[in-house]
Amino acid sequence: MSSRKQVGRYLSYKMAFERLEESLTEGWLLEALAIEESIISDRLMSILSARGVNTKPRESLKRLIEKVKKVLVNTGNLSNDDLFKELDEWREQRNECIHSLCQANDESQSERSIELFSEKLWNASRRGYELAELSRDLANQIKRQ
């Protein structure tokens, strides 16, 4: 990779994490979820690329998780699939937050619906930040090998 491209990637990630931190600080949680998914997906694609596995630019997060898990579990890089289980659980949390924003369900009929939704958003956003960092670190580790 050229030096110029590496600088561009570094600045891109620096900006993404800065914007993510701002989103969390300001309570822009749907934006935080979008940035987290972008970072996680990109890092999973980077791992696959480092292992010679082709991906489609718009590959679903679910599919990326499955592919990376298949490539890394029990290969010396990861001894178990805990990270992938956590990523998939977060993916489901994120989907629930995004898709339940305007959907009517039992919870939306509750007097505490806004409070419950806000709590789910905060939990998913905080966990997504942690998983974005873990995905970044794992990709960096794989690329150094």
N, C-alpha and C. Protein backbone atom coordinates (compact mmCIF):
# COMPACT_ATOMS: atom_id res chain seq x y z
N MET A 1 0.85 -1.18 0.00
CA MET A 1 0.00 0.00 0.00
C MET A 1 0.89 1.24 0.00
N SER A 2 0.53 2.20 -0.79
CA SER A 2 1.35 3.40 -0.87
C SER A 2 1.25 4.20 0.41
N SER A 3 2.28 4.98 0.65
CA SER A 3 2.32 5.83 1.85
C SER A 3 1.15 6.82 1.86
N ARG A 4 0.84 7.36 0.70
CA ARG A 4 -0.25 8.33 0.59
C ARG A 4 -1.59 7.67 0.96
N LYS A 5 -1.81 6.45 0.50
CA LYS A 5 -3.04 5.72 0.80
C LYS A 5 -3.12 5.41 2.29
N GLN A 6 -2.00 5.04 2.89
CA GLN A 6 -1.97 4.75 4.33
C GLN A 6 -2.32 5.98 5.14
N VAL A 7 -1.79 7.14 4.76
CA VAL A 7 -2.10 8.40 5.45
C VAL A 7 -3.59 8.69 5.31
N GLY A 8 -4.12 8.50 4.11
CA GLY A 8 -5.55 8.72 3.87
C GLY A 8 -6.41 7.82 4.72
N ARG A 9 -6.05 6.55 4.83
CA ARG A 9 -6.80 5.59 5.65
C ARG A 9 -6.72 5.99 7.13
N TYR A 10 -5.53 6.38 7.57
CA TYR A 10 -5.35 6.80 8.96
C TYR A 10 -6.25 8.00 9.27
N LEU A 11 -6.22 8.99 8.39
CA LEU A 11 -7.03 10.20 8.62
C LEU A 11 -8.53 9.88 8.58
N SER A 12 -8.90 8.97 7.70
CA SER A 12 -10.30 8.55 7.61
C SER A 12 -10.75 7.90 8.92
N TYR A 13 -9.94 7.02 9.46
CA TYR A 13 -10.30 6.36 10.73
C TYR A 13 -10.24 7.31 11.91
N LYS A 14 -9.30 8.20 11.87
CA LYS A 14 -9.21 9.22 12.94
C LYS A 14 -10.49 10.03 12.96
N MET A 15 -10.93 10.46 11.77
CA MET A 15 -12.15 11.24 11.67
C MET A 15 -13.37 10.43 12.10
N ALA A 16 -13.42 9.16 11.68
CA ALA A 16 -14.57 8.31 12.03
C ALA A 16 -14.68 8.14 13.54
N PHE A 17 -13.55 7.88 14.20
CA PHE A 17 -13.61 7.71 15.66
C PHE A 17 -13.89 9.03 16.37
N GLU A 18 -13.37 10.14 15.84
CA GLU A 18 -13.68 11.44 16.44
C GLU A 18 -15.18 11.74 16.32
N ARG A 19 -15.73 11.47 15.15
CA ARG A 19 -17.17 11.72 14.93
C ARG A 19 -18.00 10.77 15.79
N LEU A 20 -17.55 9.54 15.94
CA LEU A 20 -18.24 8.58 16.78
C LEU A 20 -18.26 9.05 18.23
N GLU A 21 -17.12 9.49 18.72
CA GLU A 21 -17.05 9.99 20.09
C GLU A 21 -17.95 11.21 20.28
N GLU A 22 -17.96 12.10 19.28
CA GLU A 22 -18.84 13.27 19.35
C GLU A 22 -20.31 12.84 19.37
N SER A 23 -20.64 11.86 18.53
CA SER A 23 -22.02 11.37 18.48
C SER A 23 -22.46 10.81 19.82
N LEU A 24 -21.58 10.05 20.46
CA LEU A 24 -21.91 9.48 21.76
C LEU A 24 -22.03 10.58 22.83
N THR A 25 -21.11 11.53 22.79
CA THR A 25 -21.14 12.63 23.75
C THR A 25 -22.41 13.46 23.61
N GLU A 26 -22.79 13.73 22.38
CA GLU A 26 -23.96 14.58 22.13
C GLU A 26 -25.28 13.81 22.18
N GLY A 27 -25.20 12.48 22.25
CA GLY A 27 -26.42 11.68 22.28
C GLY A 27 -27.04 11.43 20.93
N TRP A 28 -26.24 11.55 19.87
CA TRP A 28 -26.71 11.25 18.51
C TRP A 28 -26.51 9.76 18.27
N LEU A 29 -27.34 8.97 18.89
CA LEU A 29 -27.09 7.53 18.98
C LEU A 29 -27.34 6.78 17.68
N LEU A 30 -28.29 7.21 16.89
CA LEU A 30 -28.50 6.54 15.61
C LEU A 30 -27.30 6.79 14.69
N GLU A 31 -26.74 7.98 14.75
CA GLU A 31 -25.52 8.27 13.99
C GLU A 31 -24.37 7.42 14.50
N ALA A 32 -24.26 7.29 15.81
CA ALA A 32 -23.20 6.46 16.39
C ALA A 32 -23.31 5.02 15.89
N LEU A 33 -24.53 4.48 15.86
CA LEU A 33 -24.72 3.11 15.38
C LEU A 33 -24.29 2.97 13.92
N ALA A 34 -24.60 3.96 13.11
CA ALA A 34 -24.22 3.91 11.69
C ALA A 34 -22.70 3.94 11.53
N ILE A 35 -22.03 4.80 12.28
CA ILE A 35 -20.57 4.89 12.20
C ILE A 35 -19.94 3.60 12.71
N GLU A 36 -20.46 3.07 13.80
CA GLU A 36 -19.93 1.82 14.35
C GLU A 36 -20.04 0.69 13.34
N GLU A 37 -21.20 0.58 12.70
CA GLU A 37 -21.37 -0.48 11.71
C GLU A 37 -20.41 -0.29 10.54
N SER A 38 -20.20 0.95 10.15
CA SER A 38 -19.28 1.23 9.05
C SER A 38 -17.85 0.81 9.41
N ILE A 39 -17.42 1.16 10.61
CA ILE A 39 -16.07 0.80 11.05
C ILE A 39 -15.93 -0.71 11.15
N ILE A 40 -16.89 -1.36 11.81
CA ILE A 40 -16.81 -2.81 12.01
C ILE A 40 -16.80 -3.53 10.66
N SER A 41 -17.71 -3.15 9.76
CA SER A 41 -17.76 -3.79 8.45
C SER A 41 -16.45 -3.62 7.69
N ASP A 42 -15.92 -2.41 7.71
CA ASP A 42 -14.67 -2.15 7.00
C ASP A 42 -13.52 -2.96 7.58
N ARG A 43 -13.46 -3.07 8.88
CA ARG A 43 -12.37 -3.83 9.51
C ARG A 43 -12.51 -5.32 9.21
N LEU A 44 -13.73 -5.83 9.17
CA LEU A 44 -13.94 -7.23 8.82
C LEU A 44 -13.54 -7.47 7.36
N MET A 45 -13.87 -6.53 6.48
CA MET A 45 -13.45 -6.66 5.07
C MET A 45 -11.93 -6.61 4.96
N SER A 46 -11.29 -5.81 5.79
CA SER A 46 -9.83 -5.73 5.78
C SER A 46 -9.21 -7.06 6.20
N ILE A 47 -9.79 -7.70 7.20
CA ILE A 47 -9.30 -9.01 7.64
C ILE A 47 -9.44 -10.01 6.50
N LEU A 48 -10.60 -10.02 5.87
CA LEU A 48 -10.82 -10.95 4.77
C LEU A 48 -9.85 -10.69 3.62
N SER A 49 -9.63 -9.44 3.30
CA SER A 49 -8.69 -9.08 2.24
C SER A 49 -7.28 -9.56 2.58
N ALA A 50 -6.87 -9.38 3.84
CA ALA A 50 -5.54 -9.83 4.27
C ALA A 50 -5.40 -11.34 4.16
N ARG A 51 -6.52 -12.04 4.23
CA ARG A 51 -6.52 -13.51 4.10
C ARG A 51 -6.83 -13.97 2.69
N GLY A 52 -6.91 -13.03 1.75
CA GLY A 52 -7.14 -13.40 0.35
C GLY A 52 -8.57 -13.77 0.02
N VAL A 53 -9.51 -13.35 0.85
CA VAL A 53 -10.93 -13.66 0.61
C VAL A 53 -11.60 -12.42 0.01
N ASN A 54 -12.24 -12.62 -1.12
CA ASN A 54 -12.93 -11.51 -1.78
C ASN A 54 -14.26 -11.21 -1.09
N THR A 55 -14.61 -9.94 -1.06
CA THR A 55 -15.90 -9.52 -0.52
C THR A 55 -16.53 -8.54 -1.49
N LYS A 56 -17.83 -8.40 -1.36
CA LYS A 56 -18.56 -7.41 -2.14
C LYS A 56 -18.62 -6.12 -1.32
N PRO A 57 -18.55 -4.98 -1.97
CA PRO A 57 -18.57 -3.70 -1.23
C PRO A 57 -19.80 -3.55 -0.33
N ARG A 58 -20.91 -4.10 -0.71
CA ARG A 58 -22.14 -3.96 0.08
C ARG A 58 -22.54 -5.26 0.79
N GLU A 59 -21.54 -6.05 1.12
CA GLU A 59 -21.80 -7.31 1.82
C GLU A 59 -22.43 -7.01 3.19
N SER A 60 -23.41 -7.79 3.57
CA SER A 60 -24.10 -7.54 4.85
C SER A 60 -23.15 -7.80 6.01
N LEU A 61 -23.42 -7.11 7.11
CA LEU A 61 -22.62 -7.31 8.31
C LEU A 61 -22.72 -8.76 8.77
N LYS A 62 -23.89 -9.32 8.71
CA LYS A 62 -24.07 -10.73 9.11
C LYS A 62 -23.15 -11.64 8.29
N ARG A 63 -23.11 -11.43 7.00
CA ARG A 63 -22.28 -12.27 6.12
C ARG A 63 -20.79 -12.05 6.39
N LEU A 64 -20.40 -10.80 6.63
CA LEU A 64 -19.00 -10.51 6.94
C LEU A 64 -18.57 -11.21 8.23
N ILE A 65 -19.42 -11.16 9.24
CA ILE A 65 -19.11 -11.83 10.51
C ILE A 65 -18.92 -13.32 10.27
N GLU A 66 -19.83 -13.93 9.50
CA GLU A 66 -19.74 -15.37 9.21
C GLU A 66 -18.45 -15.71 8.47
N LYS A 67 -18.09 -14.90 7.48
CA LYS A 67 -16.89 -15.17 6.69
C LYS A 67 -15.62 -15.04 7.53
N VAL A 68 -15.53 -13.98 8.33
CA VAL A 68 -14.32 -13.80 9.14
C VAL A 68 -14.23 -14.89 10.19
N LYS A 69 -15.33 -15.24 10.78
CA LYS A 69 -15.34 -16.33 11.77
C LYS A 69 -14.80 -17.62 11.12
N LYS A 70 -15.27 -17.93 9.94
CA LYS A 70 -14.84 -19.14 9.24
C LYS A 70 -13.33 -19.10 8.96
N VAL A 71 -12.83 -17.93 8.62
CA VAL A 71 -11.40 -17.78 8.27
C VAL A 71 -10.50 -17.83 9.51
N LEU A 72 -10.96 -17.28 10.64
CA LEU A 72 -10.06 -17.10 11.79
C LEU A 72 -10.21 -18.08 12.94
N VAL A 73 -11.40 -18.59 13.19
CA VAL A 73 -11.59 -19.44 14.37
C VAL A 73 -10.77 -20.72 14.22
N ASN A 74 -10.06 -21.05 15.30
CA ASN A 74 -9.22 -22.25 15.38
C ASN A 74 -8.09 -22.27 14.36
N THR A 75 -7.58 -21.10 14.01
CA THR A 75 -6.43 -21.03 13.10
C THR A 75 -5.22 -20.45 13.82
N GLY A 76 -5.32 -20.27 15.12
CA GLY A 76 -4.24 -19.67 15.86
C GLY A 76 -4.49 -18.20 16.11
N ASN A 77 -5.37 -17.59 15.32
CA ASN A 77 -5.72 -16.19 15.53
C ASN A 77 -6.74 -16.04 16.64
N LEU A 78 -7.70 -16.92 16.66
CA LEU A 78 -8.72 -16.91 17.70
C LEU A 78 -8.98 -18.36 18.10
N SER A 79 -9.06 -18.60 19.38
CA SER A 79 -9.29 -19.97 19.83
C SER A 79 -10.78 -20.27 19.97
N ASN A 80 -11.60 -19.23 20.02
CA ASN A 80 -13.04 -19.46 20.09
C ASN A 80 -13.75 -18.36 19.34
N ASP A 81 -15.06 -18.45 19.33
CA ASP A 81 -15.81 -17.49 18.52
C ASP A 81 -16.56 -16.45 19.36
N ASP A 82 -16.07 -16.16 20.56
CA ASP A 82 -16.75 -15.19 21.43
C ASP A 82 -16.94 -13.83 20.76
N LEU A 83 -15.91 -13.32 20.12
CA LEU A 83 -16.02 -12.02 19.46
C LEU A 83 -17.12 -12.04 18.41
N PHE A 84 -17.20 -13.11 17.66
CA PHE A 84 -18.19 -13.19 16.59
C PHE A 84 -19.60 -13.31 17.14
N LYS A 85 -19.72 -14.00 18.25
CA LYS A 85 -21.02 -14.08 18.92
C LYS A 85 -21.43 -12.68 19.40
N GLU A 86 -20.48 -11.95 19.97
CA GLU A 86 -20.77 -10.59 20.44
C GLU A 86 -21.09 -9.66 19.28
N LEU A 87 -20.36 -9.77 18.19
CA LEU A 87 -20.65 -8.94 17.01
C LEU A 87 -22.04 -9.23 16.48
N ASP A 88 -22.41 -10.51 16.41
CA ASP A 88 -23.72 -10.85 15.89
C ASP A 88 -24.83 -10.40 16.84
N GLU A 89 -24.61 -10.52 18.14
CA GLU A 89 -25.60 -10.03 19.11
C GLU A 89 -25.76 -8.52 18.98
N TRP A 90 -24.64 -7.81 18.80
CA TRP A 90 -24.71 -6.36 18.63
C TRP A 90 -25.44 -6.02 17.33
N ARG A 91 -25.16 -6.77 16.27
CA ARG A 91 -25.83 -6.54 14.99
C ARG A 91 -27.35 -6.64 15.17
N GLU A 92 -27.79 -7.62 15.93
CA GLU A 92 -29.23 -7.77 16.20
C GLU A 92 -29.76 -6.61 17.05
N GLN A 93 -28.98 -6.18 18.06
CA GLN A 93 -29.37 -5.02 18.87
C GLN A 93 -29.51 -3.79 18.00
N ARG A 94 -28.53 -3.57 17.16
CA ARG A 94 -28.53 -2.42 16.26
C ARG A 94 -29.74 -2.45 15.36
N ASN A 95 -30.01 -3.60 14.76
CA ASN A 95 -31.18 -3.74 13.88
C ASN A 95 -32.47 -3.46 14.64
N GLU A 96 -32.56 -3.97 15.85
CA GLU A 96 -33.76 -3.74 16.64
C GLU A 96 -33.95 -2.25 16.91
N CYS A 97 -32.87 -1.56 17.23
CA CYS A 97 -32.97 -0.11 17.48
C CYS A 97 -33.39 0.64 16.22
N ILE A 98 -32.77 0.33 15.12
CA ILE A 98 -33.06 1.04 13.87
C ILE A 98 -34.48 0.75 13.41
N HIS A 99 -34.86 -0.52 13.42
CA HIS A 99 -36.15 -0.90 12.85
C HIS A 99 -37.33 -0.70 13.79
N SER A 100 -37.06 -0.59 15.09
CA SER A 100 -38.18 -0.39 16.01
C SER A 100 -38.46 1.08 16.29
N LEU A 101 -37.71 1.95 15.65
CA LEU A 101 -37.89 3.39 15.86
C LEU A 101 -39.34 3.81 15.65
N CYS A 102 -39.96 3.32 14.60
CA CYS A 102 -41.35 3.70 14.32
C CYS A 102 -42.31 2.52 14.25
N GLN A 103 -41.84 1.34 14.59
CA GLN A 103 -42.72 0.18 14.54
C GLN A 103 -43.56 0.09 15.80
N ALA A 104 -44.80 -0.29 15.62
CA ALA A 104 -45.67 -0.52 16.78
C ALA A 104 -45.46 -1.95 17.27
N ASN A 105 -45.22 -2.07 18.57
CA ASN A 105 -45.11 -3.38 19.20
C ASN A 105 -45.58 -3.24 20.65
N ASP A 106 -45.54 -4.32 21.40
CA ASP A 106 -46.00 -4.26 22.79
C ASP A 106 -45.26 -3.20 23.59
N GLU A 107 -43.97 -3.13 23.36
CA GLU A 107 -43.14 -2.17 24.10
C GLU A 107 -43.50 -0.73 23.75
N SER A 108 -43.83 -0.48 22.49
CA SER A 108 -44.15 0.89 22.07
C SER A 108 -45.47 1.38 22.67
N GLN A 109 -46.27 0.47 23.16
CA GLN A 109 -47.54 0.84 23.77
C GLN A 109 -47.38 1.16 25.26
N SER A 110 -46.21 0.86 25.80
CA SER A 110 -45.94 1.08 27.21
C SER A 110 -45.77 2.56 27.51
N GLU A 111 -46.12 2.96 28.72
CA GLU A 111 -45.92 4.34 29.16
C GLU A 111 -44.43 4.67 29.21
N ARG A 112 -43.60 3.65 29.34
CA ARG A 112 -42.15 3.84 29.43
C ARG A 112 -41.48 3.60 28.08
N SER A 113 -42.22 3.62 26.99
CA SER A 113 -41.65 3.24 25.69
C SER A 113 -40.45 4.09 25.30
N ILE A 114 -40.53 5.39 25.50
CA ILE A 114 -39.41 6.26 25.13
C ILE A 114 -38.19 5.96 26.00
N GLU A 115 -38.42 5.77 27.27
CA GLU A 115 -37.33 5.44 28.20
C GLU A 115 -36.68 4.10 27.83
N LEU A 116 -37.51 3.11 27.53
CA LEU A 116 -36.99 1.79 27.16
C LEU A 116 -36.21 1.84 25.85
N PHE A 117 -36.73 2.57 24.87
CA PHE A 117 -36.05 2.71 23.59
C PHE A 117 -34.71 3.42 23.77
N SER A 118 -34.71 4.48 24.56
CA SER A 118 -33.48 5.23 24.82
C SER A 118 -32.44 4.35 25.49
N GLU A 119 -32.87 3.55 26.42
CA GLU A 119 -31.95 2.64 27.11
C GLU A 119 -31.34 1.64 26.13
N LYS A 120 -32.16 1.09 25.23
CA LYS A 120 -31.65 0.16 24.22
C LYS A 120 -30.64 0.85 23.30
N LEU A 121 -30.97 2.07 22.90
CA LEU A 121 -30.05 2.82 22.03
C LEU A 121 -28.71 3.06 22.71
N TRP A 122 -28.75 3.49 23.97
CA TRP A 122 -27.50 3.74 24.69
C TRP A 122 -26.68 2.46 24.84
N ASN A 123 -27.34 1.37 25.21
CA ASN A 123 -26.63 0.10 25.38
C ASN A 123 -25.98 -0.36 24.07
N ALA A 124 -26.74 -0.29 22.98
CA ALA A 124 -26.22 -0.72 21.68
C ALA A 124 -25.08 0.21 21.23
N SER A 125 -25.22 1.49 21.48
CA SER A 125 -24.19 2.45 21.05
C SER A 125 -22.89 2.27 21.83
N ARG A 126 -23.00 2.08 23.13
CA ARG A 126 -21.79 1.86 23.94
C ARG A 126 -21.08 0.57 23.53
N ARG A 127 -21.87 -0.49 23.37
CA ARG A 127 -21.28 -1.78 22.99
C ARG A 127 -20.69 -1.71 21.58
N GLY A 128 -21.35 -1.01 20.69
CA GLY A 128 -20.85 -0.86 19.33
C GLY A 128 -19.50 -0.17 19.30
N TYR A 129 -19.32 0.82 20.17
CA TYR A 129 -18.03 1.52 20.25
C TYR A 129 -16.93 0.54 20.66
N GLU A 130 -17.21 -0.26 21.68
CA GLU A 130 -16.22 -1.25 22.13
C GLU A 130 -15.90 -2.25 21.02
N LEU A 131 -16.92 -2.71 20.31
CA LEU A 131 -16.71 -3.68 19.25
C LEU A 131 -16.01 -3.07 18.04
N ALA A 132 -16.23 -1.80 17.78
CA ALA A 132 -15.51 -1.12 16.70
C ALA A 132 -14.02 -1.09 17.03
N GLU A 133 -13.70 -0.79 18.29
CA GLU A 133 -12.29 -0.79 18.71
C GLU A 133 -11.69 -2.19 18.63
N LEU A 134 -12.43 -3.20 19.09
CA LEU A 134 -11.93 -4.58 19.04
C LEU A 134 -11.72 -5.03 17.59
N SER A 135 -12.64 -4.67 16.71
CA SER A 135 -12.52 -5.03 15.29
C SER A 135 -11.31 -4.35 14.66
N ARG A 136 -11.10 -3.09 15.00
CA ARG A 136 -9.93 -2.36 14.51
C ARG A 136 -8.64 -3.03 14.98
N ASP A 137 -8.59 -3.35 16.27
CA ASP A 137 -7.39 -3.98 16.84
C ASP A 137 -7.13 -5.35 16.22
N LEU A 138 -8.19 -6.13 16.01
CA LEU A 138 -8.03 -7.46 15.41
C LEU A 138 -7.52 -7.33 13.98
N ALA A 139 -8.09 -6.40 13.22
CA ALA A 139 -7.62 -6.21 11.84
C ALA A 139 -6.16 -5.81 11.82
N ASN A 140 -5.76 -4.93 12.71
CA ASN A 140 -4.34 -4.52 12.77
C ASN A 140 -3.45 -5.70 13.12
N GLN A 141 -3.89 -6.54 14.04
CA GLN A 141 -3.13 -7.73 14.43
C GLN A 141 -2.98 -8.70 13.26
N ILE A 142 -4.06 -8.93 12.54
CA ILE A 142 -4.03 -9.87 11.40
C ILE A 142 -3.13 -9.33 10.29
N LYS A 143 -3.19 -8.05 10.03
CA LYS A 143 -2.39 -7.46 8.97
C LYS A 143 -0.89 -7.49 9.30
N ARG A 144 -0.54 -7.49 10.58
CA ARG A 144 0.88 -7.52 10.98
C ARG A 144 1.47 -8.93 10.84
N GLN A 145 0.65 -9.93 10.74
CA GLN A 145 1.15 -11.31 10.69
C GLN A 145 1.71 -11.66 9.33
